[in-house]
Amino acid sequence: MGQYLIPANSKKSMLILGVFTQLDLGIFITGLVISLTLLMILPVDQLLYALIAIAPGSFCAFLVMPIPNYHNVRTFIRVAFEFYTTRQHFVWKGWCFGNGSNDKE
């Protein structure tokens, strides 16, 4: 008795709609507001202006889009950037290596 089973999706209950954090929704809503403002300001009858107007919203939607094995695209980009820009240090604790010293000498 006294043991509790934690469900595998318990972290999803902390997210908004099971997918988004507050920062994700902030980024997405900001991109949509900027796009809607540009749609009202720019003459969208020309293709270039229409593409410029919808670019912020589509870029922010791409950043917060969920992907497998990561929270979203923004998290994947952050992890990949940290992997390639920081020095990697892997510690080997296998059976053929004894704390960096040579035991035969």
PDB file of N, CA and C in Angstrom:
ATOM      1  N   MET A   1       0.822  -1.183   0.000  1.00  0.00           N
ATOM      2  CA  MET A   1       0.000   0.000   0.000  1.00  0.00           C
ATOM      3  C   MET A   1       0.870   1.252   0.000  1.00  0.00           C
ATOM      4  N   GLY A   2       0.259   2.367  -0.350  1.00  0.00           N
ATOM      5  CA  GLY A   2       0.990   3.619  -0.359  1.00  0.00           C
ATOM      6  C   GLY A   2       1.768   3.856  -1.643  1.00  0.00           C
ATOM      7  N   GLN A   3       1.634   2.990  -2.625  1.00  0.00           N
ATOM      8  CA  GLN A   3       2.321   3.190  -3.890  1.00  0.00           C
ATOM      9  C   GLN A   3       1.342   3.802  -4.883  1.00  0.00           C
ATOM     10  N   TYR A   4       1.831   4.736  -5.666  1.00  0.00           N
ATOM     11  CA  TYR A   4       0.980   5.426  -6.613  1.00  0.00           C
ATOM     12  C   TYR A   4       1.507   5.194  -8.022  1.00  0.00           C
ATOM     13  N   LEU A   5       0.617   5.009  -8.941  1.00  0.00           N
ATOM     14  CA  LEU A   5       0.975   4.828 -10.331  1.00  0.00           C
ATOM     15  C   LEU A   5       0.822   6.169 -11.038  1.00  0.00           C
ATOM     16  N   ILE A   6       1.908   6.659 -11.623  1.00  0.00           N
ATOM     17  CA  ILE A   6       1.874   7.928 -12.347  1.00  0.00           C
ATOM     18  C   ILE A   6       1.632   7.621 -13.816  1.00  0.00           C
ATOM     19  N   PRO A   7       0.585   8.179 -14.409  1.00  0.00           N
ATOM     20  CA  PRO A   7       0.317   7.891 -15.820  1.00  0.00           C
ATOM     21  C   PRO A   7       1.391   8.477 -16.722  1.00  0.00           C
ATOM     22  N   ALA A   8       1.567   7.868 -17.875  1.00  0.00           N
ATOM     23  CA  ALA A   8       2.609   8.294 -18.811  1.00  0.00           C
ATOM     24  C   ALA A   8       2.340   9.683 -19.372  1.00  0.00           C
ATOM     25  N   ASN A   9       1.098  10.113 -19.427  1.00  0.00           N
ATOM     26  CA  ASN A   9       0.780  11.416 -19.998  1.00  0.00           C
ATOM     27  C   ASN A   9       0.523  12.472 -18.923  1.00  0.00           C
ATOM     28  N   SER A  10       1.109  12.323 -17.756  1.00  0.00           N
ATOM     29  CA  SER A  10       0.858  13.267 -16.667  1.00  0.00           C
ATOM     30  C   SER A  10       1.409  14.657 -16.969  1.00  0.00           C
ATOM     31  N   LYS A  11       2.466  14.752 -17.756  1.00  0.00           N
ATOM     32  CA  LYS A  11       3.030  16.059 -18.088  1.00  0.00           C
ATOM     33  C   LYS A  11       2.111  16.827 -19.040  1.00  0.00           C
ATOM     34  N   LYS A  12       1.356  16.103 -19.868  1.00  0.00           N
ATOM     35  CA  LYS A  12       0.440  16.766 -20.782  1.00  0.00           C
ATOM     36  C   LYS A  12      -0.659  17.511 -20.052  1.00  0.00           C
ATOM     37  N   SER A  13      -1.003  17.071 -18.852  1.00  0.00           N
ATOM     38  CA  SER A  13      -2.062  17.746 -18.109  1.00  0.00           C
ATOM     39  C   SER A  13      -1.624  19.132 -17.651  1.00  0.00           C
ATOM     40  N   MET A  14      -0.313  19.395 -17.637  1.00  0.00           N
ATOM     41  CA  MET A  14       0.191  20.699 -17.239  1.00  0.00           C
ATOM     42  C   MET A  14       0.197  21.685 -18.400  1.00  0.00           C
ATOM     43  N   LEU A  15      -0.054  21.212 -19.619  1.00  0.00           N
ATOM     44  CA  LEU A  15      -0.019  22.050 -20.811  1.00  0.00           C
ATOM     45  C   LEU A  15      -1.419  22.535 -21.163  1.00  0.00           C
ATOM     46  N   ILE A  16      -1.497  23.640 -21.852  1.00  0.00           N
ATOM     47  CA  ILE A  16      -2.772  24.174 -22.306  1.00  0.00           C
ATOM     48  C   ILE A  16      -3.210  23.369 -23.524  1.00  0.00           C
ATOM     49  N   LEU A  17      -4.398  22.817 -23.484  1.00  0.00           N
ATOM     50  CA  LEU A  17      -4.940  21.912 -24.506  1.00  0.00           C
ATOM     51  C   LEU A  17      -4.065  20.674 -24.674  1.00  0.00           C
ATOM     52  N   GLY A  18      -3.235  20.365 -23.689  1.00  0.00           N
ATOM     53  CA  GLY A  18      -2.372  19.193 -23.739  1.00  0.00           C
ATOM     54  C   GLY A  18      -1.198  19.335 -24.677  1.00  0.00           C
ATOM     55  N   VAL A  19      -0.985  20.517 -25.271  1.00  0.00           N
ATOM     56  CA  VAL A  19       0.068  20.697 -26.276  1.00  0.00           C
ATOM     57  C   VAL A  19       0.923  21.937 -26.027  1.00  0.00           C
ATOM     58  N   PHE A  20       0.337  23.044 -25.610  1.00  0.00           N
ATOM     59  CA  PHE A  20       1.020  24.335 -25.593  1.00  0.00           C
ATOM     60  C   PHE A  20       1.360  24.800 -24.180  1.00  0.00           C
ATOM     61  N   THR A  21       2.518  25.462 -24.053  1.00  0.00           N
ATOM     62  CA  THR A  21       2.842  26.173 -22.829  1.00  0.00           C
ATOM     63  C   THR A  21       2.360  27.616 -22.979  1.00  0.00           C
ATOM     64  N   GLN A  22       2.474  28.395 -21.915  1.00  0.00           N
ATOM     65  CA  GLN A  22       2.065  29.800 -21.993  1.00  0.00           C
ATOM     66  C   GLN A  22       2.941  30.571 -22.974  1.00  0.00           C
ATOM     67  N   LEU A  23       4.239  30.259 -23.004  1.00  0.00           N
ATOM     68  CA  LEU A  23       5.139  30.922 -23.937  1.00  0.00           C
ATOM     69  C   LEU A  23       4.780  30.579 -25.381  1.00  0.00           C
ATOM     70  N   ASP A  24       4.433  29.316 -25.636  1.00  0.00           N
ATOM     71  CA  ASP A  24       4.035  28.912 -26.990  1.00  0.00           C
ATOM     72  C   ASP A  24       2.813  29.690 -27.452  1.00  0.00           C
ATOM     73  N   LEU A  25       1.810  29.789 -26.588  1.00  0.00           N
ATOM     74  CA  LEU A  25       0.611  30.539 -26.957  1.00  0.00           C
ATOM     75  C   LEU A  25       0.902  32.020 -27.133  1.00  0.00           C
ATOM     76  N   GLY A  26       1.812  32.558 -26.321  1.00  0.00           N
ATOM     77  CA  GLY A  26       2.205  33.957 -26.481  1.00  0.00           C
ATOM     78  C   GLY A  26       2.864  34.212 -27.820  1.00  0.00           C
ATOM     79  N   ILE A  27       3.757  33.319 -28.228  1.00  0.00           N
ATOM     80  CA  ILE A  27       4.420  33.460 -29.525  1.00  0.00           C
ATOM     81  C   ILE A  27       3.404  33.350 -30.649  1.00  0.00           C
ATOM     82  N   PHE A  28       2.519  32.361 -30.558  1.00  0.00           N
ATOM     83  CA  PHE A  28       1.535  32.133 -31.607  1.00  0.00           C
ATOM     84  C   PHE A  28       0.552  33.300 -31.731  1.00  0.00           C
ATOM     85  N   ILE A  29       0.045  33.795 -30.606  1.00  0.00           N
ATOM     86  CA  ILE A  29      -0.912  34.901 -30.633  1.00  0.00           C
ATOM     87  C   ILE A  29      -0.249  36.182 -31.120  1.00  0.00           C
ATOM     88  N   THR A  30       1.001  36.422 -30.720  1.00  0.00           N
ATOM     89  CA  THR A  30       1.726  37.606 -31.191  1.00  0.00           C
ATOM     90  C   THR A  30       1.905  37.566 -32.702  1.00  0.00           C
ATOM     91  N   GLY A  31       2.276  36.399 -33.246  1.00  0.00           N
ATOM     92  CA  GLY A  31       2.417  36.261 -34.697  1.00  0.00           C
ATOM     93  C   GLY A  31       1.109  36.480 -35.427  1.00  0.00           C
ATOM     94  N   LEU A  32       0.016  35.969 -34.855  1.00  0.00           N
ATOM     95  CA  LEU A  32      -1.289  36.168 -35.490  1.00  0.00           C
ATOM     96  C   LEU A  32      -1.725  37.631 -35.456  1.00  0.00           C
ATOM     97  N   VAL A  33      -1.479  38.312 -34.333  1.00  0.00           N
ATOM     98  CA  VAL A  33      -1.842  39.727 -34.232  1.00  0.00           C
ATOM     99  C   VAL A  33      -1.041  40.556 -35.235  1.00  0.00           C
ATOM    100  N   ILE A  34       0.239  40.270 -35.359  1.00  0.00           N
ATOM    101  CA  ILE A  34       1.067  41.005 -36.330  1.00  0.00           C
ATOM    102  C   ILE A  34       0.572  40.742 -37.749  1.00  0.00           C
ATOM    103  N   SER A  35       0.237  39.487 -38.050  1.00  0.00           N
ATOM    104  CA  SER A  35      -0.261  39.161 -39.393  1.00  0.00           C
ATOM    105  C   SER A  35      -1.589  39.847 -39.677  1.00  0.00           C
ATOM    106  N   LEU A  36      -2.495  39.835 -38.713  1.00  0.00           N
ATOM    107  CA  LEU A  36      -3.779  40.500 -38.921  1.00  0.00           C
ATOM    108  C   LEU A  36      -3.611  42.003 -39.095  1.00  0.00           C
ATOM    109  N   THR A  37      -2.698  42.597 -38.340  1.00  0.00           N
ATOM    110  CA  THR A  37      -2.421  44.028 -38.491  1.00  0.00           C
ATOM    111  C   THR A  37      -1.854  44.326 -39.875  1.00  0.00           C
ATOM    112  N   LEU A  38      -0.928  43.497 -40.337  1.00  0.00           N
ATOM    113  CA  LEU A  38      -0.359  43.701 -41.672  1.00  0.00           C
ATOM    114  C   LEU A  38      -1.398  43.475 -42.766  1.00  0.00           C
ATOM    115  N   LEU A  39      -2.316  42.548 -42.554  1.00  0.00           N
ATOM    116  CA  LEU A  39      -3.379  42.331 -43.540  1.00  0.00           C
ATOM    117  C   LEU A  39      -4.289  43.551 -43.656  1.00  0.00           C
ATOM    118  N   MET A  40      -4.490  44.266 -42.551  1.00  0.00           N
ATOM    119  CA  MET A  40      -5.315  45.472 -42.596  1.00  0.00           C
ATOM    120  C   MET A  40      -4.561  46.661 -43.190  1.00  0.00           C
ATOM    121  N   ILE A  41      -3.235  46.697 -43.005  1.00  0.00           N
ATOM    122  CA  ILE A  41      -2.453  47.853 -43.443  1.00  0.00           C
ATOM    123  C   ILE A  41      -2.021  47.732 -44.906  1.00  0.00           C
ATOM    124  N   LEU A  42      -1.505  46.575 -45.284  1.00  0.00           N
ATOM    125  CA  LEU A  42      -0.934  46.409 -46.620  1.00  0.00           C
ATOM    126  C   LEU A  42      -2.012  46.131 -47.662  1.00  0.00           C
ATOM    127  N   PRO A  43      -1.761  46.542 -48.911  1.00  0.00           N
ATOM    128  CA  PRO A  43      -2.694  46.192 -49.996  1.00  0.00           C
ATOM    129  C   PRO A  43      -2.463  44.734 -50.414  1.00  0.00           C
ATOM    130  N   VAL A  44      -3.307  43.847 -49.944  1.00  0.00           N
ATOM    131  CA  VAL A  44      -3.080  42.412 -50.152  1.00  0.00           C
ATOM    132  C   VAL A  44      -3.579  41.930 -51.507  1.00  0.00           C
ATOM    133  N   ASP A  45      -3.976  42.846 -52.390  1.00  0.00           N
ATOM    134  CA  ASP A  45      -4.354  42.417 -53.730  1.00  0.00           C
ATOM    135  C   ASP A  45      -3.129  42.040 -54.560  1.00  0.00           C
ATOM    136  N   GLN A  46      -1.949  42.432 -54.094  1.00  0.00           N
ATOM    137  CA  GLN A  46      -0.711  42.012 -54.741  1.00  0.00           C
ATOM    138  C   GLN A  46      -0.131  40.841 -53.957  1.00  0.00           C
ATOM    139  N   LEU A  47       0.402  39.854 -54.666  1.00  0.00           N
ATOM    140  CA  LEU A  47       0.869  38.616 -54.051  1.00  0.00           C
ATOM    141  C   LEU A  47       2.014  38.857 -53.070  1.00  0.00           C
ATOM    142  N   LEU A  48       2.945  39.715 -53.408  1.00  0.00           N
ATOM    143  CA  LEU A  48       4.089  39.968 -52.532  1.00  0.00           C
ATOM    144  C   LEU A  48       3.636  40.527 -51.184  1.00  0.00           C
ATOM    145  N   TYR A  49       2.731  41.493 -51.210  1.00  0.00           N
ATOM    146  CA  TYR A  49       2.236  42.069 -49.955  1.00  0.00           C
ATOM    147  C   TYR A  49       1.435  41.051 -49.147  1.00  0.00           C
ATOM    148  N   ALA A  50       0.705  40.186 -49.820  1.00  0.00           N
ATOM    149  CA  ALA A  50      -0.057  39.153 -49.108  1.00  0.00           C
ATOM    150  C   ALA A  50       0.887  38.176 -48.424  1.00  0.00           C
ATOM    151  N   LEU A  51       1.967  37.797 -49.105  1.00  0.00           N
ATOM    152  CA  LEU A  51       2.942  36.894 -48.498  1.00  0.00           C
ATOM    153  C   LEU A  51       3.651  37.540 -47.317  1.00  0.00           C
ATOM    154  N   ILE A  52       3.968  38.819 -47.448  1.00  0.00           N
ATOM    155  CA  ILE A  52       4.599  39.547 -46.342  1.00  0.00           C
ATOM    156  C   ILE A  52       3.648  39.632 -45.153  1.00  0.00           C
ATOM    157  N   ALA A  53       2.367  39.809 -45.423  1.00  0.00           N
ATOM    158  CA  ALA A  53       1.388  39.950 -44.344  1.00  0.00           C
ATOM    159  C   ALA A  53       1.180  38.647 -43.583  1.00  0.00           C
ATOM    160  N   ILE A  54       1.196  37.511 -44.263  1.00  0.00           N
ATOM    161  CA  ILE A  54       0.938  36.252 -43.556  1.00  0.00           C
ATOM    162  C   ILE A  54       2.216  35.581 -43.050  1.00  0.00           C
ATOM    163  N   ALA A  55       3.384  36.123 -43.374  1.00  0.00           N
ATOM    164  CA  ALA A  55       4.650  35.522 -42.960  1.00  0.00           C
ATOM    165  C   ALA A  55       4.824  35.435 -41.436  1.00  0.00           C
ATOM    166  N   PRO A  56       4.562  36.488 -40.660  1.00  0.00           N
ATOM    167  CA  PRO A  56       4.766  36.360 -39.195  1.00  0.00           C
ATOM    168  C   PRO A  56       3.880  35.288 -38.564  1.00  0.00           C
ATOM    169  N   GLY A  57       2.634  35.221 -38.952  1.00  0.00           N
ATOM    170  CA  GLY A  57       1.728  34.227 -38.384  1.00  0.00           C
ATOM    171  C   GLY A  57       2.117  32.812 -38.755  1.00  0.00           C
ATOM    172  N   SER A  58       2.505  32.614 -40.010  1.00  0.00           N
ATOM    173  CA  SER A  58       2.882  31.260 -40.429  1.00  0.00           C
ATOM    174  C   SER A  58       4.213  30.839 -39.803  1.00  0.00           C
ATOM    175  N   PHE A  59       5.145  31.775 -39.633  1.00  0.00           N
ATOM    176  CA  PHE A  59       6.423  31.456 -38.990  1.00  0.00           C
ATOM    177  C   PHE A  59       6.211  31.081 -37.529  1.00  0.00           C
ATOM    178  N   CYS A  60       5.385  31.845 -36.822  1.00  0.00           N
ATOM    179  CA  CYS A  60       5.116  31.531 -35.411  1.00  0.00           C
ATOM    180  C   CYS A  60       4.348  30.220 -35.275  1.00  0.00           C
ATOM    181  N   ALA A  61       3.435  29.942 -36.192  1.00  0.00           N
ATOM    182  CA  ALA A  61       2.719  28.664 -36.166  1.00  0.00           C
ATOM    183  C   ALA A  61       3.683  27.509 -36.397  1.00  0.00           C
ATOM    184  N   PHE A  62       4.668  27.698 -37.283  1.00  0.00           N
ATOM    185  CA  PHE A  62       5.675  26.670 -37.529  1.00  0.00           C
ATOM    186  C   PHE A  62       6.515  26.419 -36.278  1.00  0.00           C
ATOM    187  N   LEU A  63       6.863  27.478 -35.541  1.00  0.00           N
ATOM    188  CA  LEU A  63       7.693  27.327 -34.347  1.00  0.00           C
ATOM    189  C   LEU A  63       6.998  26.550 -33.234  1.00  0.00           C
ATOM    190  N   VAL A  64       5.712  26.714 -33.079  1.00  0.00           N
ATOM    191  CA  VAL A  64       5.005  26.052 -31.985  1.00  0.00           C
ATOM    192  C   VAL A  64       4.320  24.756 -32.419  1.00  0.00           C
ATOM    193  N   MET A  65       4.554  24.324 -33.648  1.00  0.00           N
ATOM    194  CA  MET A  65       3.957  23.085 -34.143  1.00  0.00           C
ATOM    195  C   MET A  65       4.583  21.887 -33.423  1.00  0.00           C
ATOM    196  N   PRO A  66       3.778  20.992 -32.847  1.00  0.00           N
ATOM    197  CA  PRO A  66       4.324  19.829 -32.133  1.00  0.00           C
ATOM    198  C   PRO A  66       4.971  18.836 -33.096  1.00  0.00           C
ATOM    199  N   ILE A  67       6.089  18.253 -32.677  1.00  0.00           N
ATOM    200  CA  ILE A  67       6.756  17.217 -33.463  1.00  0.00           C
ATOM    201  C   ILE A  67       7.089  16.041 -32.537  1.00  0.00           C
ATOM    202  N   PRO A  68       7.244  14.850 -33.094  1.00  0.00           N
ATOM    203  CA  PRO A  68       7.561  13.679 -32.256  1.00  0.00           C
ATOM    204  C   PRO A  68       8.931  13.808 -31.587  1.00  0.00           C
ATOM    205  N   ASN A  69       9.066  13.255 -30.399  1.00  0.00           N
ATOM    206  CA  ASN A  69      10.291  13.194 -29.594  1.00  0.00           C
ATOM    207  C   ASN A  69      10.750  14.545 -29.052  1.00  0.00           C
ATOM    208  N   TYR A  70      10.080  15.621 -29.380  1.00  0.00           N
ATOM    209  CA  TYR A  70      10.374  16.944 -28.841  1.00  0.00           C
ATOM    210  C   TYR A  70       9.045  17.610 -28.535  1.00  0.00           C
ATOM    211  N   HIS A  71       9.078  18.688 -27.771  1.00  0.00           N
ATOM    212  CA  HIS A  71       7.830  19.389 -27.462  1.00  0.00           C
ATOM    213  C   HIS A  71       7.283  20.070 -28.711  1.00  0.00           C
ATOM    214  N   ASN A  72       8.134  20.832 -29.387  1.00  0.00           N
ATOM    215  CA  ASN A  72       7.738  21.504 -30.626  1.00  0.00           C
ATOM    216  C   ASN A  72       8.990  21.866 -31.417  1.00  0.00           C
ATOM    217  N   VAL A  73       8.809  22.534 -32.544  1.00  0.00           N
ATOM    218  CA  VAL A  73       9.940  22.874 -33.417  1.00  0.00           C
ATOM    219  C   VAL A  73      10.900  23.823 -32.707  1.00  0.00           C
ATOM    220  N   ARG A  74      10.363  24.750 -31.921  1.00  0.00           N
ATOM    221  CA  ARG A  74      11.211  25.698 -31.188  1.00  0.00           C
ATOM    222  C   ARG A  74      12.146  24.962 -30.229  1.00  0.00           C
ATOM    223  N   THR A  75      11.643  23.949 -29.546  1.00  0.00           N
ATOM    224  CA  THR A  75      12.469  23.160 -28.635  1.00  0.00           C
ATOM    225  C   THR A  75      13.524  22.383 -29.401  1.00  0.00           C
ATOM    226  N   PHE A  76      13.162  21.812 -30.550  1.00  0.00           N
ATOM    227  CA  PHE A  76      14.127  21.083 -31.360  1.00  0.00           C
ATOM    228  C   PHE A  76      15.259  22.001 -31.834  1.00  0.00           C
ATOM    229  N   ILE A  77      14.924  23.196 -32.282  1.00  0.00           N
ATOM    230  CA  ILE A  77      15.950  24.144 -32.742  1.00  0.00           C
ATOM    231  C   ILE A  77      16.871  24.532 -31.587  1.00  0.00           C
ATOM    232  N   ARG A  78      16.310  24.750 -30.388  1.00  0.00           N
ATOM    233  CA  ARG A  78      17.127  25.105 -29.223  1.00  0.00           C
ATOM    234  C   ARG A  78      18.077  23.972 -28.849  1.00  0.00           C
ATOM    235  N   VAL A  79      17.578  22.741 -28.830  1.00  0.00           N
ATOM    236  CA  VAL A  79      18.410  21.594 -28.461  1.00  0.00           C
ATOM    237  C   VAL A  79      19.505  21.374 -29.502  1.00  0.00           C
ATOM    238  N   ALA A  80      19.167  21.482 -30.789  1.00  0.00           N
ATOM    239  CA  ALA A  80      20.170  21.314 -31.847  1.00  0.00           C
ATOM    240  C   ALA A  80      21.231  22.410 -31.768  1.00  0.00           C
ATOM    241  N   PHE A  81      20.824  23.650 -31.495  1.00  0.00           N
ATOM    242  CA  PHE A  81      21.775  24.756 -31.367  1.00  0.00           C
ATOM    243  C   PHE A  81      22.717  24.519 -30.191  1.00  0.00           C
ATOM    244  N   GLU A  82      22.174  24.098 -29.050  1.00  0.00           N
ATOM    245  CA  GLU A  82      23.022  23.827 -27.884  1.00  0.00           C
ATOM    246  C   GLU A  82      23.976  22.666 -28.156  1.00  0.00           C
ATOM    247  N   PHE A  83      23.529  21.656 -28.884  1.00  0.00           N
ATOM    248  CA  PHE A  83      24.383  20.516 -29.184  1.00  0.00           C
ATOM    249  C   PHE A  83      25.562  20.920 -30.052  1.00  0.00           C
ATOM    250  N   TYR A  84      25.321  21.743 -31.062  1.00  0.00           N
ATOM    251  CA  TYR A  84      26.393  22.119 -31.976  1.00  0.00           C
ATOM    252  C   TYR A  84      27.256  23.266 -31.482  1.00  0.00           C
ATOM    253  N   THR A  85      26.809  24.037 -30.492  1.00  0.00           N
ATOM    254  CA  THR A  85      27.602  25.181 -30.052  1.00  0.00           C
ATOM    255  C   THR A  85      28.282  24.976 -28.699  1.00  0.00           C
ATOM    256  N   THR A  86      27.927  23.949 -27.955  1.00  0.00           N
ATOM    257  CA  THR A  86      28.589  23.717 -26.674  1.00  0.00           C
ATOM    258  C   THR A  86      29.539  22.536 -26.789  1.00  0.00           C
ATOM    259  N   ARG A  87      30.518  22.543 -25.936  1.00  0.00           N
ATOM    260  CA  ARG A  87      31.489  21.456 -25.931  1.00  0.00           C
ATOM    261  C   ARG A  87      30.846  20.219 -25.311  1.00  0.00           C
ATOM    262  N   GLN A  88      30.939  19.123 -26.021  1.00  0.00           N
ATOM    263  CA  GLN A  88      30.336  17.882 -25.555  1.00  0.00           C
ATOM    264  C   GLN A  88      31.349  17.117 -24.704  1.00  0.00           C
ATOM    265  N   HIS A  89      30.896  16.606 -23.581  1.00  0.00           N
ATOM    266  CA  HIS A  89      31.758  15.860 -22.678  1.00  0.00           C
ATOM    267  C   HIS A  89      31.050  14.554 -22.341  1.00  0.00           C
ATOM    268  N   PHE A  90      31.573  13.470 -22.864  1.00  0.00           N
ATOM    269  CA  PHE A  90      30.977  12.164 -22.639  1.00  0.00           C
ATOM    270  C   PHE A  90      31.880  11.374 -21.698  1.00  0.00           C
ATOM    271  N   VAL A  91      31.334  10.897 -20.616  1.00  0.00           N
ATOM    272  CA  VAL A  91      32.093  10.146 -19.624  1.00  0.00           C
ATOM    273  C   VAL A  91      31.863   8.671 -19.876  1.00  0.00           C
ATOM    274  N   TRP A  92      32.959   7.957 -20.101  1.00  0.00           N
ATOM    275  CA  TRP A  92      32.875   6.523 -20.336  1.00  0.00           C
ATOM    276  C   TRP A  92      33.128   5.807 -19.022  1.00  0.00           C
ATOM    277  N   LYS A  93      32.179   4.983 -18.620  1.00  0.00           N
ATOM    278  CA  LYS A  93      32.341   4.205 -17.401  1.00  0.00           C
ATOM    279  C   LYS A  93      32.172   2.737 -17.743  1.00  0.00           C
ATOM    280  N   GLY A  94      32.924   2.296 -18.725  1.00  0.00           N
ATOM    281  CA  GLY A  94      32.819   0.915 -19.164  1.00  0.00           C
ATOM    282  C   GLY A  94      33.781   0.009 -18.417  1.00  0.00           C
ATOM    283  N   TRP A  95      33.745  -1.236 -18.737  1.00  0.00           N
ATOM    284  CA  TRP A  95      34.555  -2.218 -18.034  1.00  0.00           C
ATOM    285  C   TRP A  95      36.012  -2.208 -18.486  1.00  0.00           C
ATOM    286  N   CYS A  96      36.318  -1.585 -19.643  1.00  0.00           N
ATOM    287  CA  CYS A  96      37.687  -1.624 -20.152  1.00  0.00           C
ATOM    288  C   CYS A  96      38.451  -0.330 -19.853  1.00  0.00           C
ATOM    289  N   PHE A  97      37.926   0.542 -19.035  1.00  0.00           N
ATOM    290  CA  PHE A  97      38.565   1.830 -18.777  1.00  0.00           C
ATOM    291  C   PHE A  97      38.471   2.083 -17.281  1.00  0.00           C
ATOM    292  N   GLY A  98      39.593   2.373 -16.657  1.00  0.00           N
ATOM    293  CA  GLY A  98      39.595   2.564 -15.208  1.00  0.00           C
ATOM    294  C   GLY A  98      39.968   3.956 -14.799  1.00  0.00           C
ATOM    295  N   ASN A  99      39.065   4.875 -14.788  1.00  0.00           N
ATOM    296  CA  ASN A  99      39.248   6.245 -14.302  1.00  0.00           C
ATOM    297  C   ASN A  99      40.386   6.997 -14.989  1.00  0.00           C
ATOM    298  N   GLY A 100      40.670   6.713 -16.226  1.00  0.00           N
ATOM    299  CA  GLY A 100      41.671   7.445 -16.979  1.00  0.00           C
ATOM    300  C   GLY A 100      43.106   7.048 -16.729  1.00  0.00           C
ATOM    301  N   SER A 101      43.367   6.119 -15.868  1.00  0.00           N
ATOM    302  CA  SER A 101      44.749   5.724 -15.598  1.00  0.00           C
ATOM    303  C   SER A 101      45.011   4.381 -16.276  1.00  0.00           C
ATOM    304  N   ASN A 102      46.264   4.175 -16.607  1.00  0.00           N
ATOM    305  CA  ASN A 102      46.670   2.913 -17.223  1.00  0.00           C
ATOM    306  C   ASN A 102      47.133   1.982 -16.113  1.00  0.00           C
ATOM    307  N   ASP A 103      46.430   0.904 -15.908  1.00  0.00           N
ATOM    308  CA  ASP A 103      46.714   0.002 -14.799  1.00  0.00           C
ATOM    309  C   ASP A 103      47.978  -0.839 -15.028  1.00  0.00           C
ATOM    310  N   LYS A 104      48.454  -0.949 -16.268  1.00  0.00           N
ATOM    311  CA  LYS A 104      49.628  -1.790 -16.567  1.00  0.00           C
ATOM    312  C   LYS A 104      50.950  -1.098 -16.241  1.00  0.00           C
ATOM    313  N   GLU A 105      50.943   0.209 -16.134  1.00  0.00           N
ATOM    314  CA  GLU A 105      52.204   0.916 -15.891  1.00  0.00           C
ATOM    315  C   GLU A 105      52.514   1.025 -14.439  1.00  0.00           C
TER     316      GLU A 105
END
